[in-house]
Amino acid sequence: MALADTLAAAWYGQGTAPWWTAPLAALYGGVTRWRRRLYRAGLLSSVRLPVPVVVIGNVSVGGTGKTPLSIALAEALRARGLRPGVVSRGYGGSEAGPLLLDERPDPARFGDEPCLIHAAGTPVAVGRDRPAAARLLLDAGCDVILADDGLQHYRLRRDVEICVIDGARRFGNRRLLPAGPLREPLARLDEVDFRVCNGGSAEAGEVPMRLEGGTARAFSDGSIQPLEAFRGQRVHAVAGIGNPARFFDDLRARGIEVVPHPFPDHHAYMPGELDFGDAAPVLMTEKDAVKCAAFAPSQAWAVPVRAVLPDGFFDAVAAKLMQARRGADQR
């Protein structure tokens, strides 16, 4: 078993973490605390943009549903008369940036998640220097910046913080990396504006969110059919996301016989990796599909999902943004 798999199993109660993870976790926690203190004291510089900034992130590693939430929030803000843009580090891509995504962005350059958000109709800029990337969105006419996966990126000041929680796995053993899955102590949750629980049972103070799908789109001709059409069939399920089991379990819950093919998050696929030696359908997440369009087999299907949250959540975020805008006008 690879080290990453050994650690993940220990984090979520299926083993014991190696002894050396405890001192490393203590060191990591100390560095994290001092880094935040330096930003708060102004000894590390941060950038304030002239428009409100919303950060969407998490305190644990792995997929929690940040990208679907970013897409849903951008759509909700547009419906409320705002012009949001998304800034991203562009994980999995080769582009250092800062650059705006063009009409047909290449996931190998820009990363899979930025391309997925862009395909949903939102301007996206990527770059290791996120404030510089965000300024490109301002030049493009955006009046709200959404920072995808930026909770620990303190160089970009923020007006609203949203932490997404995996409702099934929660926080594992509640320890810091590498002894546990936490990027920051759980006390950090007390500082964010909204805690969104993806799946599972939302606890007190958390906004419930679910990922809703139910259809599959053919790579061959773009046709759509319900996932129930695959009920009782044996399919190859491909997922290169933070928590592949979520995708596999959802398909199984629909009566589909799943042959799971988990890949690392942000995996760069090669054509041969989708050849499983038979003609069974291949179902993959939409995040994986954006990287496989050029070489996916004829029996491949993308399975899109959308984040569903209470309208009151979007109203509350919009209200905080308007408050932040008024505060900026008075500065």
C-alpha atoms as a PDB file:
ATOM      1  CA  MET A   1       0.000   0.000   0.000  1.00  0.00           C
ATOM      2  CA  ALA A   2       1.341   3.458  -0.942  1.00  0.00           C
ATOM      3  CA  LEU A   3       2.183   5.880   1.854  1.00  0.00           C
ATOM      4  CA  ALA A   4      -0.670   8.208   0.864  1.00  0.00           C
ATOM      5  CA  ASP A   5      -3.143   5.310   1.119  1.00  0.00           C
ATOM      6  CA  THR A   6      -1.699   4.222   4.474  1.00  0.00           C
ATOM      7  CA  LEU A   7      -2.072   7.724   5.887  1.00  0.00           C
ATOM      8  CA  ALA A   8      -5.599   8.193   4.521  1.00  0.00           C
ATOM      9  CA  ALA A   9      -6.665   4.872   6.052  1.00  0.00           C
ATOM     10  CA  ALA A  10      -5.257   5.949   9.424  1.00  0.00           C
ATOM     11  CA  TRP A  11      -6.956   9.334   9.240  1.00  0.00           C
ATOM     12  CA  TYR A  12     -10.364   7.763   8.790  1.00  0.00           C
ATOM     13  CA  GLY A  13     -10.134   4.967  11.338  1.00  0.00           C
ATOM     14  CA  GLN A  14      -8.844   2.081   9.264  1.00  0.00           C
ATOM     15  CA  GLY A  15      -5.317   1.839  10.638  1.00  0.00           C
ATOM     16  CA  THR A  16      -2.661   3.572  12.698  1.00  0.00           C
ATOM     17  CA  ALA A  17      -0.552   6.469  11.486  1.00  0.00           C
ATOM     18  CA  PRO A  18       3.244   5.944  11.580  1.00  0.00           C
ATOM     19  CA  TRP A  19       4.896   7.260  14.764  1.00  0.00           C
ATOM     20  CA  TRP A  20       6.785   9.985  12.921  1.00  0.00           C
ATOM     21  CA  THR A  21       3.590  11.751  11.851  1.00  0.00           C
ATOM     22  CA  ALA A  22       3.003  13.094  15.385  1.00  0.00           C
ATOM     23  CA  PRO A  23       6.144  15.276  15.615  1.00  0.00           C
ATOM     24  CA  LEU A  24       5.654  16.432  12.031  1.00  0.00           C
ATOM     25  CA  ALA A  25       2.058  17.396  12.835  1.00  0.00           C
ATOM     26  CA  ALA A  26       3.286  19.437  15.815  1.00  0.00           C
ATOM     27  CA  LEU A  27       5.800  21.199  13.592  1.00  0.00           C
ATOM     28  CA  TYR A  28       3.195  21.800  10.911  1.00  0.00           C
ATOM     29  CA  GLY A  29       0.771  23.232  13.473  1.00  0.00           C
ATOM     30  CA  GLY A  30       3.414  25.615  14.801  1.00  0.00           C
ATOM     31  CA  VAL A  31       4.311  26.873  11.341  1.00  0.00           C
ATOM     32  CA  THR A  32       0.607  27.343  10.505  1.00  0.00           C
ATOM     33  CA  ARG A  33      -0.051  29.377  13.658  1.00  0.00           C
ATOM     34  CA  TRP A  34       2.989  31.627  13.156  1.00  0.00           C
ATOM     35  CA  ARG A  35       2.135  32.201   9.518  1.00  0.00           C
ATOM     36  CA  ARG A  36      -1.346  33.434  10.425  1.00  0.00           C
ATOM     37  CA  ARG A  37       0.050  35.650  13.167  1.00  0.00           C
ATOM     38  CA  LEU A  38       2.520  37.220  10.749  1.00  0.00           C
ATOM     39  CA  TYR A  39      -0.281  38.057   8.331  1.00  0.00           C
ATOM     40  CA  ARG A  40      -2.446  39.473  11.117  1.00  0.00           C
ATOM     41  CA  ALA A  41       0.445  41.615  12.362  1.00  0.00           C
ATOM     42  CA  GLY A  42       1.117  42.885   8.851  1.00  0.00           C
ATOM     43  CA  LEU A  43       4.624  41.390   8.787  1.00  0.00           C
ATOM     44  CA  LEU A  44       3.554  39.311   5.774  1.00  0.00           C
ATOM     45  CA  SER A  45       1.833  41.502   3.216  1.00  0.00           C
ATOM     46  CA  SER A  46      -1.688  40.838   1.953  1.00  0.00           C
ATOM     47  CA  VAL A  47      -3.612  42.439  -0.886  1.00  0.00           C
ATOM     48  CA  ARG A  48      -6.991  44.159  -0.603  1.00  0.00           C
ATOM     49  CA  LEU A  49      -8.906  44.301  -3.893  1.00  0.00           C
ATOM     50  CA  PRO A  50     -11.366  47.107  -4.687  1.00  0.00           C
ATOM     51  CA  VAL A  51     -14.232  44.577  -4.941  1.00  0.00           C
ATOM     52  CA  PRO A  52     -15.550  42.005  -2.458  1.00  0.00           C
ATOM     53  CA  VAL A  53     -13.765  38.655  -2.281  1.00  0.00           C
ATOM     54  CA  VAL A  54     -15.350  35.332  -1.308  1.00  0.00           C
ATOM     55  CA  VAL A  55     -13.058  32.455  -0.387  1.00  0.00           C
ATOM     56  CA  ILE A  56     -14.365  28.892  -0.754  1.00  0.00           C
ATOM     57  CA  GLY A  57     -12.156  26.286   0.878  1.00  0.00           C
ATOM     58  CA  ASN A  58     -11.868  23.619   3.534  1.00  0.00           C
ATOM     59  CA  VAL A  59      -9.804  22.758   6.579  1.00  0.00           C
ATOM     60  CA  SER A  60      -9.206  19.149   5.528  1.00  0.00           C
ATOM     61  CA  VAL A  61      -7.422  17.665   2.534  1.00  0.00           C
ATOM     62  CA  GLY A  62      -9.296  15.875  -0.219  1.00  0.00           C
ATOM     63  CA  GLY A  63     -12.414  16.642  -2.173  1.00  0.00           C
ATOM     64  CA  THR A  64     -15.300  18.229  -0.308  1.00  0.00           C
ATOM     65  CA  GLY A  65     -17.302  19.742  -3.170  1.00  0.00           C
ATOM     66  CA  LYS A  66     -15.681  23.175  -3.422  1.00  0.00           C
ATOM     67  CA  THR A  67     -15.841  23.362  -7.224  1.00  0.00           C
ATOM     68  CA  PRO A  68     -19.572  22.511  -7.560  1.00  0.00           C
ATOM     69  CA  LEU A  69     -20.258  25.073  -4.835  1.00  0.00           C
ATOM     70  CA  SER A  70     -18.182  27.701  -6.674  1.00  0.00           C
ATOM     71  CA  ILE A  71     -20.219  27.083  -9.835  1.00  0.00           C
ATOM     72  CA  ALA A  72     -23.536  27.233  -7.963  1.00  0.00           C
ATOM     73  CA  LEU A  73     -22.562  30.408  -6.095  1.00  0.00           C
ATOM     74  CA  ALA A  74     -21.423  32.125  -9.293  1.00  0.00           C
ATOM     75  CA  GLU A  75     -24.762  31.294 -10.930  1.00  0.00           C
ATOM     76  CA  ALA A  76     -26.706  32.548  -7.901  1.00  0.00           C
ATOM     77  CA  LEU A  77     -24.764  35.829  -7.786  1.00  0.00           C
ATOM     78  CA  ARG A  78     -25.322  36.403 -11.511  1.00  0.00           C
ATOM     79  CA  ALA A  79     -29.045  35.882 -10.939  1.00  0.00           C
ATOM     80  CA  ARG A  80     -28.829  38.627  -8.298  1.00  0.00           C
ATOM     81  CA  GLY A  81     -27.272  41.130 -10.692  1.00  0.00           C
ATOM     82  CA  LEU A  82     -23.589  40.673  -9.856  1.00  0.00           C
ATOM     83  CA  ARG A  83     -20.715  39.813 -12.209  1.00  0.00           C
ATOM     84  CA  PRO A  84     -18.602  37.168 -10.450  1.00  0.00           C
ATOM     85  CA  GLY A  85     -15.278  35.795 -11.609  1.00  0.00           C
ATOM     86  CA  VAL A  86     -13.272  32.916 -10.166  1.00  0.00           C
ATOM     87  CA  VAL A  87      -9.580  32.969  -9.336  1.00  0.00           C
ATOM     88  CA  SER A  88      -7.772  29.655  -8.958  1.00  0.00           C
ATOM     89  CA  ARG A  89      -4.282  28.331  -8.419  1.00  0.00           C
ATOM     90  CA  GLY A  90      -4.882  25.959 -11.345  1.00  0.00           C
ATOM     91  CA  TYR A  91      -3.777  22.739  -9.649  1.00  0.00           C
ATOM     92  CA  GLY A  92      -2.910  20.024 -12.126  1.00  0.00           C
ATOM     93  CA  GLY A  93      -2.082  22.536 -14.864  1.00  0.00           C
ATOM     94  CA  SER A  94       1.296  23.701 -16.107  1.00  0.00           C
ATOM     95  CA  GLU A  95       0.444  27.398 -16.387  1.00  0.00           C
ATOM     96  CA  ALA A  96       2.064  29.659 -13.778  1.00  0.00           C
ATOM     97  CA  GLY A  97      -0.001  32.634 -14.963  1.00  0.00           C
ATOM     98  CA  PRO A  98      -1.549  34.938 -14.313  1.00  0.00           C
ATOM     99  CA  LEU A  99      -3.809  34.296 -17.291  1.00  0.00           C
ATOM    100  CA  LEU A 100      -7.487  34.443 -18.143  1.00  0.00           C
ATOM    101  CA  LEU A 101      -8.915  31.232 -19.539  1.00  0.00           C
ATOM    102  CA  ASP A 102      -9.616  31.525 -23.251  1.00  0.00           C
ATOM    103  CA  GLU A 103     -12.619  30.252 -25.203  1.00  0.00           C
ATOM    104  CA  ARG A 104     -11.349  26.653 -25.372  1.00  0.00           C
ATOM    105  CA  PRO A 105      -8.974  26.244 -22.407  1.00  0.00           C
ATOM    106  CA  ASP A 106      -6.653  23.262 -22.205  1.00  0.00           C
ATOM    107  CA  PRO A 107      -6.919  21.421 -18.849  1.00  0.00           C
ATOM    108  CA  ALA A 108      -3.243  20.448 -19.156  1.00  0.00           C
ATOM    109  CA  ARG A 109      -2.370  24.152 -19.012  1.00  0.00           C
ATOM    110  CA  PHE A 110      -5.012  25.551 -16.694  1.00  0.00           C
ATOM    111  CA  GLY A 111      -6.106  22.595 -14.546  1.00  0.00           C
ATOM    112  CA  ASP A 112      -9.289  20.565 -14.571  1.00  0.00           C
ATOM    113  CA  GLU A 113     -11.334  22.537 -12.030  1.00  0.00           C
ATOM    114  CA  PRO A 114     -10.794  25.984 -13.623  1.00  0.00           C
ATOM    115  CA  CYS A 115     -11.821  24.521 -16.999  1.00  0.00           C
ATOM    116  CA  LEU A 116     -14.947  22.999 -15.463  1.00  0.00           C
ATOM    117  CA  ILE A 117     -15.931  26.308 -13.848  1.00  0.00           C
ATOM    118  CA  HIS A 118     -15.229  28.179 -17.087  1.00  0.00           C
ATOM    119  CA  ALA A 119     -17.413  25.736 -19.044  1.00  0.00           C
ATOM    120  CA  ALA A 120     -20.282  26.606 -16.691  1.00  0.00           C
ATOM    121  CA  GLY A 121     -20.158  30.218 -17.892  1.00  0.00           C
ATOM    122  CA  THR A 122     -18.006  32.041 -15.349  1.00  0.00           C
ATOM    123  CA  PRO A 123     -14.825  34.008 -16.177  1.00  0.00           C
ATOM    124  CA  VAL A 124     -11.795  32.315 -14.620  1.00  0.00           C
ATOM    125  CA  ALA A 125      -8.207  33.444 -14.087  1.00  0.00           C
ATOM    126  CA  VAL A 126      -5.414  31.177 -12.883  1.00  0.00           C
ATOM    127  CA  GLY A 127      -2.042  31.982 -11.401  1.00  0.00           C
ATOM    128  CA  ARG A 128       0.334  31.251  -8.596  1.00  0.00           C
ATOM    129  CA  ASP A 129       0.045  34.964  -7.766  1.00  0.00           C
ATOM    130  CA  ARG A 130      -3.670  34.980  -7.005  1.00  0.00           C
ATOM    131  CA  PRO A 131      -4.013  38.743  -6.425  1.00  0.00           C
ATOM    132  CA  ALA A 132      -2.471  39.333  -9.863  1.00  0.00           C
ATOM    133  CA  ALA A 133      -4.829  36.782 -11.406  1.00  0.00           C
ATOM    134  CA  ALA A 134      -7.773  38.433  -9.671  1.00  0.00           C
ATOM    135  CA  ARG A 135      -6.855  41.809 -11.182  1.00  0.00           C
ATOM    136  CA  LEU A 136      -7.293  40.271 -14.639  1.00  0.00           C
ATOM    137  CA  LEU A 137     -10.879  39.498 -13.666  1.00  0.00           C
ATOM    138  CA  LEU A 138     -11.386  43.094 -12.551  1.00  0.00           C
ATOM    139  CA  ASP A 139     -10.149  44.252 -15.957  1.00  0.00           C
ATOM    140  CA  ALA A 140     -12.673  41.864 -17.527  1.00  0.00           C
ATOM    141  CA  GLY A 141     -15.541  43.597 -15.697  1.00  0.00           C
ATOM    142  CA  CYS A 142     -16.068  41.321 -12.690  1.00  0.00           C
ATOM    143  CA  ASP A 143     -17.360  43.023  -9.552  1.00  0.00           C
ATOM    144  CA  VAL A 144     -17.059  40.020  -7.188  1.00  0.00           C
ATOM    145  CA  ILE A 145     -14.120  37.615  -6.920  1.00  0.00           C
ATOM    146  CA  LEU A 146     -14.606  34.003  -5.848  1.00  0.00           C
ATOM    147  CA  ALA A 147     -11.386  32.304  -4.736  1.00  0.00           C
ATOM    148  CA  ASP A 148     -11.691  28.570  -5.328  1.00  0.00           C
ATOM    149  CA  ASP A 149      -9.783  26.582  -2.690  1.00  0.00           C
ATOM    150  CA  GLY A 150      -8.209  29.633  -1.068  1.00  0.00           C
ATOM    151  CA  LEU A 151      -9.000  29.370   2.644  1.00  0.00           C
ATOM    152  CA  GLN A 152      -5.321  29.058   3.610  1.00  0.00           C
ATOM    153  CA  HIS A 153      -4.087  31.568   1.007  1.00  0.00           C
ATOM    154  CA  TYR A 154      -3.933  34.617   3.286  1.00  0.00           C
ATOM    155  CA  ARG A 155      -2.144  36.874   0.831  1.00  0.00           C
ATOM    156  CA  LEU A 156      -5.517  37.640  -0.746  1.00  0.00           C
ATOM    157  CA  ARG A 157      -7.738  39.429   1.747  1.00  0.00           C
ATOM    158  CA  ARG A 158     -11.311  38.265   1.900  1.00  0.00           C
ATOM    159  CA  ASP A 159     -14.699  39.603   2.920  1.00  0.00           C
ATOM    160  CA  VAL A 160     -16.538  36.280   3.154  1.00  0.00           C
ATOM    161  CA  GLU A 161     -15.156  32.853   4.041  1.00  0.00           C
ATOM    162  CA  ILE A 162     -17.008  29.636   3.223  1.00  0.00           C
ATOM    163  CA  CYS A 163     -15.696  26.314   4.528  1.00  0.00           C
ATOM    164  CA  VAL A 164     -16.981  23.159   2.809  1.00  0.00           C
ATOM    165  CA  ILE A 165     -17.167  20.004   4.938  1.00  0.00           C
ATOM    166  CA  ASP A 166     -17.377  16.413   3.709  1.00  0.00           C
ATOM    167  CA  GLY A 167     -20.536  15.263   5.481  1.00  0.00           C
ATOM    168  CA  ALA A 168     -19.579  11.590   5.238  1.00  0.00           C
ATOM    169  CA  ARG A 169     -15.932  11.653   6.322  1.00  0.00           C
ATOM    170  CA  ARG A 170     -16.145  14.858   8.409  1.00  0.00           C
ATOM    171  CA  PHE A 171     -12.689  15.533   9.929  1.00  0.00           C
ATOM    172  CA  GLY A 172     -11.405  11.988  10.384  1.00  0.00           C
ATOM    173  CA  ASN A 173      -9.253  11.673  13.504  1.00  0.00           C
ATOM    174  CA  ARG A 174      -9.302  15.492  13.855  1.00  0.00           C
ATOM    175  CA  ARG A 175      -5.489  15.754  13.806  1.00  0.00           C
ATOM    176  CA  LEU A 176      -3.234  17.994  11.739  1.00  0.00           C
ATOM    177  CA  LEU A 177      -1.232  16.837   8.725  1.00  0.00           C
ATOM    178  CA  PRO A 178       0.376  14.357   8.362  1.00  0.00           C
ATOM    179  CA  ALA A 179      -1.029  12.639  11.475  1.00  0.00           C
ATOM    180  CA  GLY A 180      -4.540  13.528  10.310  1.00  0.00           C
ATOM    181  CA  PRO A 181      -6.330  15.207   7.400  1.00  0.00           C
ATOM    182  CA  LEU A 182      -6.521  18.745   8.806  1.00  0.00           C
ATOM    183  CA  ARG A 183      -4.820  21.700   7.124  1.00  0.00           C
ATOM    184  CA  GLU A 184      -5.714  23.915  10.097  1.00  0.00           C
ATOM    185  CA  PRO A 185      -7.040  23.253  13.623  1.00  0.00           C
ATOM    186  CA  LEU A 186     -10.817  22.819  13.901  1.00  0.00           C
ATOM    187  CA  ALA A 187     -10.956  26.081  15.864  1.00  0.00           C
ATOM    188  CA  ARG A 188     -10.571  27.738  12.456  1.00  0.00           C
ATOM    189  CA  LEU A 189     -14.218  26.866  11.786  1.00  0.00           C
ATOM    190  CA  ASP A 190     -15.274  29.399  14.410  1.00  0.00           C
ATOM    191  CA  GLU A 191     -13.822  32.191  12.257  1.00  0.00           C
ATOM    192  CA  VAL A 192     -15.485  31.471   8.906  1.00  0.00           C
ATOM    193  CA  ASP A 193     -18.752  33.082   7.861  1.00  0.00           C
ATOM    194  CA  PHE A 194     -20.452  29.939   6.527  1.00  0.00           C
ATOM    195  CA  ARG A 195     -19.926  26.220   7.053  1.00  0.00           C
ATOM    196  CA  VAL A 196     -21.410  24.146   4.236  1.00  0.00           C
ATOM    197  CA  CYS A 197     -21.907  20.410   4.768  1.00  0.00           C
ATOM    198  CA  ASN A 198     -21.784  18.377   1.563  1.00  0.00           C
ATOM    199  CA  GLY A 199     -23.817  15.195   2.060  1.00  0.00           C
ATOM    200  CA  GLY A 200     -24.347  13.350   5.306  1.00  0.00           C
ATOM    201  CA  SER A 201     -26.215  15.094   8.099  1.00  0.00           C
ATOM    202  CA  ALA A 202     -25.520  18.793   8.606  1.00  0.00           C
ATOM    203  CA  GLU A 203     -24.763  19.689  12.205  1.00  0.00           C
ATOM    204  CA  ALA A 204     -25.904  22.803  14.048  1.00  0.00           C
ATOM    205  CA  GLY A 205     -24.752  25.966  12.277  1.00  0.00           C
ATOM    206  CA  GLU A 206     -23.987  24.179   8.996  1.00  0.00           C
ATOM    207  CA  VAL A 207     -25.682  24.822   5.652  1.00  0.00           C
ATOM    208  CA  PRO A 208     -26.796  21.559   4.010  1.00  0.00           C
ATOM    209  CA  MET A 209     -25.601  20.879   0.467  1.00  0.00           C
ATOM    210  CA  ARG A 210     -26.107  17.908  -1.809  1.00  0.00           C
ATOM    211  CA  LEU A 211     -24.680  17.039  -5.197  1.00  0.00           C
ATOM    212  CA  GLU A 212     -27.510  16.259  -7.580  1.00  0.00           C
ATOM    213  CA  GLY A 213     -26.963  14.374 -10.806  1.00  0.00           C
ATOM    214  CA  GLY A 214     -28.967  11.644 -12.421  1.00  0.00           C
ATOM    215  CA  THR A 215     -27.875  11.928 -16.048  1.00  0.00           C
ATOM    216  CA  ALA A 216     -24.953  10.886 -18.227  1.00  0.00           C
ATOM    217  CA  ARG A 217     -23.634  12.606 -21.377  1.00  0.00           C
ATOM    218  CA  ALA A 218     -22.114  10.533 -24.180  1.00  0.00           C
ATOM    219  CA  PHE A 219     -18.656  11.528 -25.390  1.00  0.00           C
ATOM    220  CA  SER A 220     -19.492  10.193 -28.859  1.00  0.00           C
ATOM    221  CA  ASP A 221     -22.434  12.415 -29.777  1.00  0.00           C
ATOM    222  CA  GLY A 222     -23.357  14.481 -26.700  1.00  0.00           C
ATOM    223  CA  SER A 223     -26.620  12.643 -26.161  1.00  0.00           C
ATOM    224  CA  ILE A 224     -28.090  12.561 -22.652  1.00  0.00           C
ATOM    225  CA  GLN A 225     -29.684   9.660 -20.861  1.00  0.00           C
ATOM    226  CA  PRO A 226     -30.686   9.000 -17.254  1.00  0.00           C
ATOM    227  CA  LEU A 227     -28.300   7.053 -15.047  1.00  0.00           C
ATOM    228  CA  GLU A 228     -31.143   4.621 -14.430  1.00  0.00           C
ATOM    229  CA  ALA A 229     -30.528   3.382 -17.991  1.00  0.00           C
ATOM    230  CA  PHE A 230     -27.364   1.720 -16.622  1.00  0.00           C
ATOM    231  CA  ARG A 231     -29.207  -0.047 -13.786  1.00  0.00           C
ATOM    232  CA  GLY A 232     -28.182  -3.673 -13.580  1.00  0.00           C
ATOM    233  CA  GLN A 233     -25.276  -3.151 -15.977  1.00  0.00           C
ATOM    234  CA  ARG A 234     -21.598  -3.644 -15.276  1.00  0.00           C
ATOM    235  CA  VAL A 235     -19.719  -0.383 -15.861  1.00  0.00           C
ATOM    236  CA  HIS A 236     -16.196   0.916 -15.399  1.00  0.00           C
ATOM    237  CA  ALA A 237     -16.344   3.935 -13.090  1.00  0.00           C
ATOM    238  CA  VAL A 238     -13.451   6.407 -13.336  1.00  0.00           C
ATOM    239  CA  ALA A 239     -12.824   9.081 -10.691  1.00  0.00           C
ATOM    240  CA  GLY A 240      -9.716  11.198 -10.226  1.00  0.00           C
ATOM    241  CA  ILE A 241     -11.157  13.371  -7.454  1.00  0.00           C
ATOM    242  CA  GLY A 242     -10.415  13.920  -3.787  1.00  0.00           C
ATOM    243  CA  ASN A 243     -12.893  11.260  -2.635  1.00  0.00           C
ATOM    244  CA  PRO A 244     -13.524   8.762  -5.470  1.00  0.00           C
ATOM    245  CA  ALA A 245     -15.641   6.546  -3.210  1.00  0.00           C
ATOM    246  CA  ARG A 246     -18.360   9.209  -3.215  1.00  0.00           C
ATOM    247  CA  PHE A 247     -18.797   8.802  -6.985  1.00  0.00           C
ATOM    248  CA  PHE A 248     -18.686   4.995  -6.868  1.00  0.00           C
ATOM    249  CA  ASP A 249     -21.183   4.815  -4.006  1.00  0.00           C
ATOM    250  CA  ASP A 250     -23.613   7.116  -5.810  1.00  0.00           C
ATOM    251  CA  LEU A 251     -23.582   4.867  -8.877  1.00  0.00           C
ATOM    252  CA  ARG A 252     -24.049   1.745  -6.747  1.00  0.00           C
ATOM    253  CA  ALA A 253     -27.002   3.377  -4.999  1.00  0.00           C
ATOM    254  CA  ARG A 254     -28.678   3.573  -8.418  1.00  0.00           C
ATOM    255  CA  GLY A 255     -28.374  -0.169  -8.922  1.00  0.00           C
ATOM    256  CA  ILE A 256     -25.332  -0.006 -11.204  1.00  0.00           C
ATOM    257  CA  GLU A 257     -22.666  -2.716 -10.962  1.00  0.00           C
ATOM    258  CA  VAL A 258     -19.470  -0.693 -10.507  1.00  0.00           C
ATOM    259  CA  VAL A 259     -15.943  -1.740 -11.390  1.00  0.00           C
ATOM    260  CA  PRO A 260     -14.084   1.100  -9.609  1.00  0.00           C
ATOM    261  CA  HIS A 261     -11.033   2.788 -11.111  1.00  0.00           C
ATOM    262  CA  PRO A 262      -9.830   5.438  -8.616  1.00  0.00           C
ATOM    263  CA  PHE A 263      -7.080   7.823  -9.700  1.00  0.00           C
ATOM    264  CA  PRO A 264      -5.245  10.564  -7.770  1.00  0.00           C
ATOM    265  CA  ASP A 265      -6.907  13.956  -7.564  1.00  0.00           C
ATOM    266  CA  HIS A 266      -6.116  16.126 -10.631  1.00  0.00           C
ATOM    267  CA  HIS A 267      -4.723  13.075 -12.438  1.00  0.00           C
ATOM    268  CA  ALA A 268      -3.400  13.734 -15.966  1.00  0.00           C
ATOM    269  CA  TYR A 269      -4.924  10.896 -17.983  1.00  0.00           C
ATOM    270  CA  MET A 270      -3.233   9.053 -20.817  1.00  0.00           C
ATOM    271  CA  PRO A 271      -5.276   7.305 -23.530  1.00  0.00           C
ATOM    272  CA  GLY A 272      -4.329   3.771 -22.491  1.00  0.00           C
ATOM    273  CA  GLU A 273      -5.610   4.319 -18.954  1.00  0.00           C
ATOM    274  CA  LEU A 274      -9.215   4.205 -20.180  1.00  0.00           C
ATOM    275  CA  ASP A 275      -8.782   0.919 -22.032  1.00  0.00           C
ATOM    276  CA  PHE A 276     -10.200  -1.744 -19.741  1.00  0.00           C
ATOM    277  CA  GLY A 277     -10.222  -4.594 -22.237  1.00  0.00           C
ATOM    278  CA  ASP A 278     -13.961  -4.831 -22.871  1.00  0.00           C
ATOM    279  CA  ALA A 279     -16.909  -2.907 -24.292  1.00  0.00           C
ATOM    280  CA  ALA A 280     -18.599  -2.128 -20.960  1.00  0.00           C
ATOM    281  CA  PRO A 281     -19.693   1.509 -20.514  1.00  0.00           C
ATOM    282  CA  VAL A 282     -17.182   3.852 -18.905  1.00  0.00           C
ATOM    283  CA  LEU A 283     -18.709   6.414 -16.549  1.00  0.00           C
ATOM    284  CA  MET A 284     -16.552   9.248 -15.222  1.00  0.00           C
ATOM    285  CA  THR A 285     -16.993  12.438 -13.276  1.00  0.00           C
ATOM    286  CA  GLU A 286     -17.315  15.659 -15.234  1.00  0.00           C
ATOM    287  CA  LYS A 287     -14.062  16.859 -13.685  1.00  0.00           C
ATOM    288  CA  ASP A 288     -12.288  13.874 -15.273  1.00  0.00           C
ATOM    289  CA  ALA A 289     -14.217  14.214 -18.515  1.00  0.00           C
ATOM    290  CA  VAL A 290     -12.783  17.652 -19.348  1.00  0.00           C
ATOM    291  CA  LYS A 291      -9.332  16.022 -19.568  1.00  0.00           C
ATOM    292  CA  CYS A 292     -10.372  12.981 -21.599  1.00  0.00           C
ATOM    293  CA  ALA A 293     -12.477  14.426 -24.418  1.00  0.00           C
ATOM    294  CA  ALA A 294      -9.776  13.923 -27.057  1.00  0.00           C
ATOM    295  CA  PHE A 295      -9.239  10.205 -26.488  1.00  0.00           C
ATOM    296  CA  ALA A 296     -12.156   8.790 -24.490  1.00  0.00           C
ATOM    297  CA  PRO A 297     -13.484   5.471 -25.870  1.00  0.00           C
ATOM    298  CA  SER A 298     -16.751   5.481 -27.783  1.00  0.00           C
ATOM    299  CA  GLN A 299     -18.605   3.908 -24.843  1.00  0.00           C
ATOM    300  CA  ALA A 300     -17.527   6.633 -22.391  1.00  0.00           C
ATOM    301  CA  TRP A 301     -19.993   8.878 -20.578  1.00  0.00           C
ATOM    302  CA  ALA A 302     -19.557  11.961 -18.385  1.00  0.00           C
ATOM    303  CA  VAL A 303     -21.688  12.219 -15.247  1.00  0.00           C
ATOM    304  CA  PRO A 304     -22.310  15.875 -14.330  1.00  0.00           C
ATOM    305  CA  VAL A 305     -23.493  17.018 -10.908  1.00  0.00           C
ATOM    306  CA  ARG A 306     -24.699  20.316  -9.512  1.00  0.00           C
ATOM    307  CA  ALA A 307     -24.634  21.626  -5.969  1.00  0.00           C
ATOM    308  CA  VAL A 308     -28.056  22.207  -4.402  1.00  0.00           C
ATOM    309  CA  LEU A 309     -28.288  24.526  -1.388  1.00  0.00           C
ATOM    310  CA  PRO A 310     -31.053  26.566   0.279  1.00  0.00           C
ATOM    311  CA  ASP A 311     -31.839  29.871  -1.444  1.00  0.00           C
ATOM    312  CA  GLY A 312     -31.413  31.523   1.936  1.00  0.00           C
ATOM    313  CA  PHE A 313     -27.710  30.673   1.852  1.00  0.00           C
ATOM    314  CA  PHE A 314     -27.187  32.536  -1.430  1.00  0.00           C
ATOM    315  CA  ASP A 315     -29.229  35.481  -0.131  1.00  0.00           C
ATOM    316  CA  ALA A 316     -27.062  35.639   2.994  1.00  0.00           C
ATOM    317  CA  VAL A 317     -23.833  35.573   0.979  1.00  0.00           C
ATOM    318  CA  ALA A 318     -25.137  38.298  -1.348  1.00  0.00           C
ATOM    319  CA  ALA A 319     -26.117  40.425   1.655  1.00  0.00           C
ATOM    320  CA  LYS A 320     -22.608  40.144   3.116  1.00  0.00           C
ATOM    321  CA  LEU A 321     -21.133  41.113  -0.240  1.00  0.00           C
ATOM    322  CA  MET A 322     -23.306  44.211  -0.456  1.00  0.00           C
ATOM    323  CA  GLN A 323     -22.251  45.131   3.086  1.00  0.00           C
ATOM    324  CA  ALA A 324     -18.609  44.690   2.098  1.00  0.00           C
ATOM    325  CA  ARG A 325     -19.131  46.851  -0.983  1.00  0.00           C
ATOM    326  CA  ARG A 326     -20.615  49.658   1.115  1.00  0.00           C
ATOM    327  CA  GLY A 327     -17.674  49.410   3.487  1.00  0.00           C
ATOM    328  CA  ALA A 328     -15.257  49.654   0.551  1.00  0.00           C
ATOM    329  CA  ASP A 329     -17.032  52.752  -0.761  1.00  0.00           C
ATOM    330  CA  GLN A 330     -16.589  54.421   2.617  1.00  0.00           C
ATOM    331  CA  ARG A 331     -12.842  53.687   2.844  1.00  0.00           C
END
